[in-house]
Amino acid sequence: MRHVIPFLLLAAPAFADCPSNPDISAEMDDLLARVQSAESQNAARTISNRMWELWARAPDDWAQQLLDDGMTRRAAFDLAGAITAFDALVEYCPDFAEGYNQRAFANFLRGSYAAALPDLERAIELRPRHVAAIAGKGLTLIQLGRIREGQAIIRQALAFNPWLAERQYLSLRPEDIEL
């Protein structure tokens, strides 16, 4: 698997532009309404999983390959390889929010919180209702020692999905965190 990224980069479409992002707004409207009225954690999790499917719907097959490869590498804790794949993805599709969100997550896992933050901000700029990116930004700010600011961002995510596990961080006080 270590040789997939260089091969993929060599196989990149020459002079190709990334097509427009899929329009997921109507489906996302429905999912956000459903998760806000979900009656249980399990029901909310099913809806959240569907949100992830929408966010991870890349603009074309090439972008999907890069996203899938990066996510597979991240899951295997090959964080450097994951970031390489996500770098190629955001270069090819600079308007695809999930490339930035996934690169931020890989950097978060590496403990590179300052590197994660701009990617989360870009993902949210591109998809303002990307609940996972918003919650990730809150967690990243908390890791950077910006507890109250991070909690405020988590509250914004909870306004979209009140079932997020990140709600547990709202009771933290700055003195509770060891950085």
N, C-alpha and C. Protein backbone atom coordinates (compact mmCIF):
# COMPACT_ATOMS: atom_id res chain seq x y z
N MET A 1 0.83 -1.20 0.00
CA MET A 1 0.00 0.00 0.00
C MET A 1 0.87 1.25 0.00
N ARG A 2 2.12 1.16 0.44
CA ARG A 2 2.97 2.34 0.53
C ARG A 2 3.23 2.99 -0.83
N HIS A 3 3.07 2.24 -1.89
CA HIS A 3 3.38 2.78 -3.22
C HIS A 3 2.17 3.32 -3.95
N VAL A 4 1.03 3.32 -3.31
CA VAL A 4 -0.20 3.76 -3.98
C VAL A 4 -0.15 5.26 -4.27
N ILE A 5 0.25 6.07 -3.30
CA ILE A 5 0.24 7.53 -3.50
C ILE A 5 1.12 7.94 -4.67
N PRO A 6 2.40 7.53 -4.73
CA PRO A 6 3.18 7.96 -5.90
C PRO A 6 2.56 7.50 -7.22
N PHE A 7 2.02 6.28 -7.26
CA PHE A 7 1.37 5.82 -8.47
C PHE A 7 0.16 6.68 -8.79
N LEU A 8 -0.66 6.97 -7.77
CA LEU A 8 -1.84 7.79 -8.00
C LEU A 8 -1.46 9.18 -8.51
N LEU A 9 -0.42 9.74 -7.93
CA LEU A 9 -0.01 11.08 -8.35
C LEU A 9 0.48 11.08 -9.79
N LEU A 10 1.17 10.00 -10.19
CA LEU A 10 1.61 9.90 -11.58
C LEU A 10 0.43 9.67 -12.52
N ALA A 11 -0.62 9.05 -12.00
CA ALA A 11 -1.78 8.75 -12.84
C ALA A 11 -2.81 9.88 -12.83
N ALA A 12 -2.48 10.98 -12.20
CA ALA A 12 -3.43 12.10 -12.10
C ALA A 12 -3.81 12.60 -13.48
N PRO A 13 -5.05 12.99 -13.64
CA PRO A 13 -5.48 13.52 -14.94
C PRO A 13 -4.66 14.76 -15.30
N ALA A 14 -4.04 14.72 -16.44
CA ALA A 14 -3.21 15.84 -16.87
C ALA A 14 -4.07 17.05 -17.18
N PHE A 15 -3.74 18.16 -16.58
CA PHE A 15 -4.40 19.44 -16.83
C PHE A 15 -5.91 19.40 -16.61
N ALA A 16 -6.34 18.46 -15.79
CA ALA A 16 -7.78 18.36 -15.52
C ALA A 16 -8.15 19.30 -14.38
N ASP A 17 -9.34 19.84 -14.47
CA ASP A 17 -9.88 20.64 -13.39
C ASP A 17 -10.89 19.79 -12.63
N CYS A 18 -10.93 20.01 -11.36
CA CYS A 18 -11.91 19.31 -10.54
C CYS A 18 -13.30 19.84 -10.89
N PRO A 19 -14.26 18.95 -11.10
CA PRO A 19 -15.62 19.42 -11.38
C PRO A 19 -16.25 20.02 -10.11
N SER A 20 -17.42 20.57 -10.27
CA SER A 20 -18.14 21.16 -9.14
C SER A 20 -18.48 20.09 -8.11
N ASN A 21 -18.59 20.53 -6.87
CA ASN A 21 -18.99 19.63 -5.80
C ASN A 21 -20.42 19.16 -6.02
N PRO A 22 -20.72 17.94 -5.58
CA PRO A 22 -22.12 17.49 -5.66
C PRO A 22 -22.99 18.39 -4.79
N ASP A 23 -24.20 18.65 -5.23
CA ASP A 23 -25.14 19.45 -4.44
C ASP A 23 -25.83 18.53 -3.44
N ILE A 24 -25.45 18.69 -2.18
CA ILE A 24 -26.02 17.84 -1.13
C ILE A 24 -26.96 18.64 -0.22
N SER A 25 -27.26 19.87 -0.59
CA SER A 25 -27.98 20.76 0.32
C SER A 25 -29.38 20.25 0.69
N ALA A 26 -30.15 19.76 -0.25
CA ALA A 26 -31.50 19.28 0.08
C ALA A 26 -31.44 18.07 1.00
N GLU A 27 -30.54 17.13 0.68
CA GLU A 27 -30.40 15.95 1.53
C GLU A 27 -29.91 16.34 2.92
N MET A 28 -28.98 17.30 2.98
CA MET A 28 -28.45 17.73 4.27
C MET A 28 -29.53 18.46 5.08
N ASP A 29 -30.35 19.26 4.43
CA ASP A 29 -31.47 19.92 5.12
C ASP A 29 -32.32 18.87 5.83
N ASP A 30 -32.66 17.82 5.10
CA ASP A 30 -33.48 16.75 5.65
C ASP A 30 -32.78 16.06 6.82
N LEU A 31 -31.52 15.73 6.65
CA LEU A 31 -30.79 15.03 7.72
C LEU A 31 -30.63 15.89 8.97
N LEU A 32 -30.36 17.17 8.79
CA LEU A 32 -30.24 18.05 9.94
C LEU A 32 -31.56 18.17 10.70
N ALA A 33 -32.65 18.25 9.97
CA ALA A 33 -33.96 18.31 10.63
C ALA A 33 -34.24 17.00 11.37
N ARG A 34 -33.88 15.90 10.75
CA ARG A 34 -34.13 14.59 11.38
C ARG A 34 -33.27 14.38 12.62
N VAL A 35 -32.01 14.79 12.58
CA VAL A 35 -31.13 14.55 13.73
C VAL A 35 -31.55 15.43 14.91
N GLN A 36 -32.08 16.60 14.62
CA GLN A 36 -32.54 17.47 15.71
C GLN A 36 -33.77 16.92 16.41
N SER A 37 -34.52 16.10 15.73
CA SER A 37 -35.71 15.51 16.36
C SER A 37 -35.52 14.02 16.66
N ALA A 38 -34.30 13.53 16.53
CA ALA A 38 -34.04 12.11 16.83
C ALA A 38 -34.38 11.82 18.29
N GLU A 39 -34.90 10.63 18.51
CA GLU A 39 -35.35 10.27 19.85
C GLU A 39 -34.32 9.49 20.65
N SER A 40 -33.21 9.11 20.01
CA SER A 40 -32.19 8.34 20.73
C SER A 40 -30.82 8.56 20.12
N GLN A 41 -29.82 8.20 20.88
CA GLN A 41 -28.43 8.29 20.40
C GLN A 41 -28.24 7.40 19.17
N ASN A 42 -28.82 6.20 19.20
CA ASN A 42 -28.68 5.29 18.06
C ASN A 42 -29.33 5.85 16.81
N ALA A 43 -30.49 6.44 16.94
CA ALA A 43 -31.16 7.04 15.77
C ALA A 43 -30.31 8.18 15.23
N ALA A 44 -29.78 8.99 16.13
CA ALA A 44 -28.93 10.12 15.71
C ALA A 44 -27.66 9.62 15.03
N ARG A 45 -27.09 8.54 15.52
CA ARG A 45 -25.86 7.99 14.92
C ARG A 45 -26.12 7.54 13.49
N THR A 46 -27.25 6.91 13.25
CA THR A 46 -27.60 6.48 11.89
C THR A 46 -27.70 7.69 10.96
N ILE A 47 -28.32 8.74 11.43
CA ILE A 47 -28.45 9.96 10.63
C ILE A 47 -27.08 10.59 10.41
N SER A 48 -26.26 10.63 11.45
CA SER A 48 -24.91 11.20 11.32
C SER A 48 -24.08 10.41 10.32
N ASN A 49 -24.22 9.11 10.32
CA ASN A 49 -23.49 8.28 9.34
C ASN A 49 -23.90 8.65 7.92
N ARG A 50 -25.15 8.95 7.72
CA ARG A 50 -25.62 9.36 6.38
C ARG A 50 -25.01 10.71 6.01
N MET A 51 -24.89 11.61 7.01
CA MET A 51 -24.22 12.90 6.75
C MET A 51 -22.80 12.66 6.26
N TRP A 52 -22.10 11.74 6.92
CA TRP A 52 -20.72 11.44 6.51
C TRP A 52 -20.67 10.95 5.07
N GLU A 53 -21.64 10.14 4.68
CA GLU A 53 -21.68 9.65 3.30
C GLU A 53 -21.79 10.82 2.33
N LEU A 54 -22.60 11.82 2.68
CA LEU A 54 -22.76 12.98 1.80
C LEU A 54 -21.48 13.81 1.75
N TRP A 55 -20.89 14.09 2.90
CA TRP A 55 -19.67 14.90 2.93
C TRP A 55 -18.54 14.22 2.17
N ALA A 56 -18.53 12.88 2.20
CA ALA A 56 -17.45 12.13 1.56
C ALA A 56 -17.74 11.81 0.10
N ARG A 57 -18.76 12.41 -0.47
CA ARG A 57 -19.08 12.22 -1.88
C ARG A 57 -18.24 13.20 -2.68
N ALA A 58 -17.18 12.70 -3.27
CA ALA A 58 -16.22 13.55 -3.99
C ALA A 58 -16.78 13.97 -5.35
N PRO A 59 -16.22 15.05 -5.91
CA PRO A 59 -16.71 15.57 -7.19
C PRO A 59 -16.51 14.63 -8.38
N ASP A 60 -15.51 13.77 -8.34
CA ASP A 60 -15.30 12.83 -9.44
C ASP A 60 -14.53 11.61 -8.93
N ASP A 61 -14.30 10.66 -9.81
CA ASP A 61 -13.65 9.41 -9.41
C ASP A 61 -12.22 9.63 -8.91
N TRP A 62 -11.50 10.54 -9.57
CA TRP A 62 -10.12 10.80 -9.16
C TRP A 62 -10.08 11.38 -7.75
N ALA A 63 -10.92 12.35 -7.47
CA ALA A 63 -10.98 12.93 -6.12
C ALA A 63 -11.41 11.87 -5.11
N GLN A 64 -12.34 11.02 -5.51
CA GLN A 64 -12.79 9.96 -4.59
C GLN A 64 -11.66 8.99 -4.27
N GLN A 65 -10.85 8.66 -5.28
CA GLN A 65 -9.70 7.78 -5.04
C GLN A 65 -8.74 8.41 -4.03
N LEU A 66 -8.45 9.67 -4.21
CA LEU A 66 -7.53 10.36 -3.28
C LEU A 66 -8.12 10.41 -1.87
N LEU A 67 -9.41 10.74 -1.77
CA LEU A 67 -10.06 10.79 -0.46
C LEU A 67 -10.05 9.41 0.19
N ASP A 68 -10.45 8.40 -0.55
CA ASP A 68 -10.50 7.05 0.01
C ASP A 68 -9.12 6.56 0.43
N ASP A 69 -8.11 6.83 -0.39
CA ASP A 69 -6.75 6.41 -0.05
C ASP A 69 -6.29 7.12 1.23
N GLY A 70 -6.53 8.42 1.32
CA GLY A 70 -6.13 9.15 2.51
C GLY A 70 -6.85 8.65 3.75
N MET A 71 -8.13 8.37 3.63
CA MET A 71 -8.89 7.88 4.78
C MET A 71 -8.44 6.49 5.20
N THR A 72 -8.11 5.65 4.23
CA THR A 72 -7.59 4.32 4.54
C THR A 72 -6.25 4.43 5.26
N ARG A 73 -5.40 5.31 4.77
CA ARG A 73 -4.10 5.51 5.42
C ARG A 73 -4.27 6.08 6.82
N ARG A 74 -5.17 7.03 6.98
CA ARG A 74 -5.42 7.60 8.31
C ARG A 74 -5.90 6.53 9.27
N ALA A 75 -6.81 5.69 8.82
CA ALA A 75 -7.34 4.62 9.67
C ALA A 75 -6.24 3.64 10.09
N ALA A 76 -5.23 3.49 9.24
CA ALA A 76 -4.09 2.62 9.55
C ALA A 76 -2.98 3.37 10.29
N PHE A 77 -3.24 4.61 10.66
CA PHE A 77 -2.30 5.49 11.35
C PHE A 77 -1.04 5.78 10.53
N ASP A 78 -1.17 5.68 9.20
CA ASP A 78 -0.13 6.18 8.30
C ASP A 78 -0.50 7.65 8.05
N LEU A 79 -0.25 8.48 9.06
CA LEU A 79 -0.72 9.86 8.99
C LEU A 79 0.04 10.68 7.95
N ALA A 80 1.33 10.42 7.79
CA ALA A 80 2.09 11.14 6.76
C ALA A 80 1.56 10.79 5.37
N GLY A 81 1.29 9.50 5.13
CA GLY A 81 0.72 9.09 3.85
C GLY A 81 -0.67 9.66 3.63
N ALA A 82 -1.46 9.71 4.70
CA ALA A 82 -2.80 10.29 4.61
C ALA A 82 -2.71 11.76 4.23
N ILE A 83 -1.82 12.49 4.88
CA ILE A 83 -1.69 13.92 4.59
C ILE A 83 -1.21 14.13 3.16
N THR A 84 -0.34 13.27 2.67
CA THR A 84 0.10 13.37 1.27
C THR A 84 -1.09 13.21 0.32
N ALA A 85 -1.95 12.24 0.61
CA ALA A 85 -3.14 12.04 -0.23
C ALA A 85 -4.08 13.24 -0.15
N PHE A 86 -4.28 13.76 1.06
CA PHE A 86 -5.18 14.90 1.22
C PHE A 86 -4.58 16.17 0.62
N ASP A 87 -3.26 16.31 0.67
CA ASP A 87 -2.60 17.44 0.00
C ASP A 87 -2.92 17.40 -1.50
N ALA A 88 -2.78 16.21 -2.10
CA ALA A 88 -3.07 16.06 -3.53
C ALA A 88 -4.55 16.35 -3.81
N LEU A 89 -5.42 15.93 -2.90
CA LEU A 89 -6.85 16.16 -3.07
C LEU A 89 -7.18 17.64 -3.03
N VAL A 90 -6.67 18.37 -2.04
CA VAL A 90 -7.02 19.79 -1.96
C VAL A 90 -6.35 20.59 -3.08
N GLU A 91 -5.24 20.11 -3.58
CA GLU A 91 -4.63 20.78 -4.73
C GLU A 91 -5.50 20.58 -5.98
N TYR A 92 -6.00 19.36 -6.16
CA TYR A 92 -6.83 19.05 -7.31
C TYR A 92 -8.24 19.66 -7.17
N CYS A 93 -8.81 19.58 -5.98
CA CYS A 93 -10.19 20.06 -5.73
C CYS A 93 -10.18 21.06 -4.58
N PRO A 94 -9.73 22.28 -4.82
CA PRO A 94 -9.61 23.25 -3.73
C PRO A 94 -10.95 23.71 -3.15
N ASP A 95 -12.06 23.33 -3.77
CA ASP A 95 -13.38 23.71 -3.24
C ASP A 95 -14.13 22.53 -2.62
N PHE A 96 -13.44 21.42 -2.41
CA PHE A 96 -14.04 20.23 -1.82
C PHE A 96 -13.72 20.20 -0.33
N ALA A 97 -14.71 20.47 0.49
CA ALA A 97 -14.51 20.64 1.93
C ALA A 97 -13.92 19.42 2.62
N GLU A 98 -14.30 18.25 2.18
CA GLU A 98 -13.86 17.05 2.90
C GLU A 98 -12.37 16.81 2.80
N GLY A 99 -11.74 17.27 1.73
CA GLY A 99 -10.28 17.16 1.65
C GLY A 99 -9.61 17.91 2.79
N TYR A 100 -10.09 19.12 3.05
CA TYR A 100 -9.55 19.93 4.15
C TYR A 100 -9.89 19.31 5.50
N ASN A 101 -11.14 18.86 5.65
CA ASN A 101 -11.56 18.28 6.92
C ASN A 101 -10.74 17.04 7.27
N GLN A 102 -10.52 16.19 6.28
CA GLN A 102 -9.76 14.96 6.53
C GLN A 102 -8.28 15.26 6.79
N ARG A 103 -7.74 16.23 6.09
CA ARG A 103 -6.34 16.61 6.36
C ARG A 103 -6.22 17.18 7.77
N ALA A 104 -7.21 17.97 8.18
CA ALA A 104 -7.22 18.50 9.55
C ALA A 104 -7.28 17.36 10.56
N PHE A 105 -8.11 16.36 10.30
CA PHE A 105 -8.23 15.24 11.23
C PHE A 105 -6.90 14.49 11.34
N ALA A 106 -6.23 14.27 10.23
CA ALA A 106 -4.93 13.59 10.27
C ALA A 106 -3.92 14.43 11.07
N ASN A 107 -3.93 15.74 10.86
CA ASN A 107 -3.03 16.60 11.64
C ASN A 107 -3.41 16.61 13.12
N PHE A 108 -4.70 16.60 13.42
CA PHE A 108 -5.16 16.52 14.81
C PHE A 108 -4.61 15.26 15.47
N LEU A 109 -4.73 14.13 14.77
CA LEU A 109 -4.23 12.87 15.32
C LEU A 109 -2.72 12.90 15.54
N ARG A 110 -2.00 13.66 14.71
CA ARG A 110 -0.55 13.82 14.89
C ARG A 110 -0.21 14.77 16.03
N GLY A 111 -1.22 15.47 16.54
CA GLY A 111 -0.98 16.48 17.56
C GLY A 111 -0.57 17.81 16.97
N SER A 112 -0.73 17.95 15.66
CA SER A 112 -0.40 19.20 14.96
C SER A 112 -1.65 20.08 14.88
N TYR A 113 -2.08 20.56 16.05
CA TYR A 113 -3.34 21.29 16.14
C TYR A 113 -3.30 22.60 15.38
N ALA A 114 -2.18 23.30 15.43
CA ALA A 114 -2.08 24.57 14.70
C ALA A 114 -2.20 24.35 13.20
N ALA A 115 -1.73 23.22 12.70
CA ALA A 115 -1.86 22.90 11.27
C ALA A 115 -3.29 22.50 10.93
N ALA A 116 -4.00 21.91 11.87
CA ALA A 116 -5.38 21.46 11.62
C ALA A 116 -6.35 22.63 11.52
N LEU A 117 -6.13 23.66 12.31
CA LEU A 117 -7.10 24.75 12.43
C LEU A 117 -7.43 25.45 11.11
N PRO A 118 -6.46 25.87 10.29
CA PRO A 118 -6.82 26.53 9.02
C PRO A 118 -7.61 25.62 8.07
N ASP A 119 -7.30 24.32 8.09
CA ASP A 119 -8.05 23.40 7.24
C ASP A 119 -9.50 23.27 7.71
N LEU A 120 -9.70 23.26 9.02
CA LEU A 120 -11.07 23.20 9.54
C LEU A 120 -11.83 24.47 9.17
N GLU A 121 -11.17 25.60 9.28
CA GLU A 121 -11.82 26.86 8.92
C GLU A 121 -12.19 26.88 7.44
N ARG A 122 -11.32 26.35 6.59
CA ARG A 122 -11.63 26.30 5.15
C ARG A 122 -12.77 25.33 4.87
N ALA A 123 -12.78 24.18 5.54
CA ALA A 123 -13.87 23.22 5.35
C ALA A 123 -15.21 23.85 5.73
N ILE A 124 -15.22 24.59 6.84
CA ILE A 124 -16.45 25.23 7.30
C ILE A 124 -16.85 26.37 6.36
N GLU A 125 -15.87 27.07 5.83
CA GLU A 125 -16.17 28.13 4.85
C GLU A 125 -16.86 27.53 3.62
N LEU A 126 -16.39 26.36 3.18
CA LEU A 126 -16.94 25.72 2.00
C LEU A 126 -18.29 25.03 2.28
N ARG A 127 -18.43 24.47 3.46
CA ARG A 127 -19.66 23.78 3.86
C ARG A 127 -20.02 24.25 5.27
N PRO A 128 -20.72 25.39 5.39
CA PRO A 128 -20.99 25.99 6.69
C PRO A 128 -21.76 25.12 7.68
N ARG A 129 -22.42 24.08 7.19
CA ARG A 129 -23.15 23.19 8.08
C ARG A 129 -22.45 21.84 8.25
N HIS A 130 -21.14 21.82 8.02
CA HIS A 130 -20.37 20.58 8.18
C HIS A 130 -20.16 20.39 9.68
N VAL A 131 -21.10 19.69 10.29
CA VAL A 131 -21.13 19.53 11.74
C VAL A 131 -19.83 18.94 12.27
N ALA A 132 -19.29 17.96 11.58
CA ALA A 132 -18.06 17.32 12.06
C ALA A 132 -16.88 18.28 12.01
N ALA A 133 -16.79 19.09 10.98
CA ALA A 133 -15.70 20.07 10.91
C ALA A 133 -15.85 21.13 12.00
N ILE A 134 -17.09 21.53 12.26
CA ILE A 134 -17.32 22.53 13.31
C ILE A 134 -16.93 21.94 14.66
N ALA A 135 -17.38 20.73 14.95
CA ALA A 135 -17.02 20.08 16.21
C ALA A 135 -15.51 19.87 16.29
N GLY A 136 -14.89 19.48 15.17
CA GLY A 136 -13.45 19.30 15.13
C GLY A 136 -12.71 20.59 15.42
N LYS A 137 -13.23 21.69 14.92
CA LYS A 137 -12.61 22.98 15.21
C LYS A 137 -12.69 23.27 16.71
N GLY A 138 -13.83 22.98 17.32
CA GLY A 138 -13.96 23.18 18.76
C GLY A 138 -12.95 22.35 19.53
N LEU A 139 -12.82 21.08 19.17
CA LEU A 139 -11.86 20.21 19.85
C LEU A 139 -10.42 20.68 19.63
N THR A 140 -10.14 21.15 18.44
CA THR A 140 -8.80 21.65 18.13
C THR A 140 -8.48 22.88 18.97
N LEU A 141 -9.42 23.79 19.07
CA LEU A 141 -9.21 24.98 19.90
C LEU A 141 -8.98 24.59 21.36
N ILE A 142 -9.73 23.60 21.85
CA ILE A 142 -9.51 23.13 23.22
C ILE A 142 -8.10 22.59 23.37
N GLN A 143 -7.63 21.82 22.41
CA GLN A 143 -6.27 21.28 22.48
C GLN A 143 -5.21 22.38 22.41
N LEU A 144 -5.56 23.48 21.80
CA LEU A 144 -4.64 24.62 21.74
C LEU A 144 -4.72 25.48 23.00
N GLY A 145 -5.53 25.05 23.96
CA GLY A 145 -5.65 25.79 25.22
C GLY A 145 -6.68 26.90 25.18
N ARG A 146 -7.42 27.00 24.10
CA ARG A 146 -8.45 28.04 23.93
C ARG A 146 -9.81 27.42 24.28
N ILE A 147 -9.93 27.06 25.58
CA ILE A 147 -11.05 26.25 26.07
C ILE A 147 -12.40 26.91 25.81
N ARG A 148 -12.58 28.11 26.28
CA ARG A 148 -13.88 28.76 26.15
C ARG A 148 -14.27 28.98 24.68
N GLU A 149 -13.31 29.35 23.87
CA GLU A 149 -13.56 29.53 22.44
C GLU A 149 -13.95 28.20 21.80
N GLY A 150 -13.24 27.14 22.17
CA GLY A 150 -13.57 25.82 21.66
C GLY A 150 -14.96 25.37 22.07
N GLN A 151 -15.32 25.65 23.32
CA GLN A 151 -16.65 25.30 23.80
C GLN A 151 -17.74 26.06 23.05
N ALA A 152 -17.48 27.31 22.74
CA ALA A 152 -18.45 28.10 21.98
C ALA A 152 -18.66 27.50 20.59
N ILE A 153 -17.60 27.03 19.98
CA ILE A 153 -17.70 26.40 18.66
C ILE A 153 -18.45 25.07 18.77
N ILE A 154 -18.18 24.31 19.81
CA ILE A 154 -18.91 23.05 20.00
C ILE A 154 -20.41 23.33 20.17
N ARG A 155 -20.75 24.41 20.85
CA ARG A 155 -22.16 24.78 20.98
C ARG A 155 -22.78 25.05 19.59
N GLN A 156 -22.00 25.65 18.70
CA GLN A 156 -22.51 25.88 17.34
C GLN A 156 -22.79 24.54 16.64
N ALA A 157 -21.90 23.58 16.82
CA ALA A 157 -22.11 22.25 16.23
C ALA A 157 -23.33 21.58 16.84
N LEU A 158 -23.50 21.73 18.15
CA LEU A 158 -24.64 21.12 18.83
C LEU A 158 -25.97 21.73 18.38
N ALA A 159 -25.95 22.97 17.92
CA ALA A 159 -27.17 23.58 17.38
C ALA A 159 -27.64 22.82 16.13
N PHE A 160 -26.70 22.23 15.40
CA PHE A 160 -27.05 21.42 14.23
C PHE A 160 -27.39 19.99 14.64
N ASN A 161 -26.59 19.43 15.56
CA ASN A 161 -26.77 18.04 15.98
C ASN A 161 -26.59 17.95 17.49
N PRO A 162 -27.68 17.95 18.25
CA PRO A 162 -27.59 17.94 19.71
C PRO A 162 -27.07 16.63 20.30
N TRP A 163 -26.86 15.62 19.48
CA TRP A 163 -26.42 14.32 19.96
C TRP A 163 -24.91 14.12 19.89
N LEU A 164 -24.17 15.10 19.47
CA LEU A 164 -22.72 14.95 19.31
C LEU A 164 -22.05 14.56 20.62
N ALA A 165 -21.12 13.64 20.54
CA ALA A 165 -20.35 13.22 21.72
C ALA A 165 -19.51 14.37 22.28
N GLU A 166 -19.20 15.34 21.43
CA GLU A 166 -18.36 16.47 21.86
C GLU A 166 -19.04 17.32 22.93
N ARG A 167 -20.32 17.11 23.17
CA ARG A 167 -21.01 17.88 24.21
C ARG A 167 -20.38 17.66 25.58
N GLN A 168 -19.67 16.54 25.74
CA GLN A 168 -19.01 16.26 27.02
C GLN A 168 -17.93 17.30 27.36
N TYR A 169 -17.43 18.02 26.36
CA TYR A 169 -16.38 19.01 26.59
C TYR A 169 -16.91 20.34 27.10
N LEU A 170 -18.21 20.49 27.16
CA LEU A 170 -18.78 21.76 27.62
C LEU A 170 -18.61 21.96 29.13
N SER A 171 -18.38 20.89 29.85
CA SER A 171 -18.21 21.02 31.30
C SER A 171 -16.76 21.26 31.70
N LEU A 172 -15.85 21.24 30.74
CA LEU A 172 -14.43 21.47 31.04
C LEU A 172 -14.18 22.91 31.48
N ARG A 173 -13.25 23.04 32.38
CA ARG A 173 -12.77 24.37 32.78
C ARG A 173 -11.32 24.46 32.32
N PRO A 174 -10.83 25.64 32.03
CA PRO A 174 -9.45 25.77 31.56
C PRO A 174 -8.44 25.07 32.48
N GLU A 175 -8.67 25.09 33.76
CA GLU A 175 -7.71 24.47 34.68
C GLU A 175 -7.80 22.95 34.66
N ASP A 176 -8.82 22.38 34.00
CA ASP A 176 -8.97 20.93 33.91
C ASP A 176 -8.10 20.33 32.81
N ILE A 177 -7.59 21.14 31.93
CA ILE A 177 -6.88 20.66 30.74
C ILE A 177 -5.37 20.73 30.95
N GLU A 178 -4.72 19.59 30.68
CA GLU A 178 -3.25 19.58 30.67
C GLU A 178 -2.82 19.62 29.22
N LEU A 179 -2.03 20.60 28.89
CA LEU A 179 -1.56 20.72 27.50
C LEU A 179 -0.11 20.34 27.41
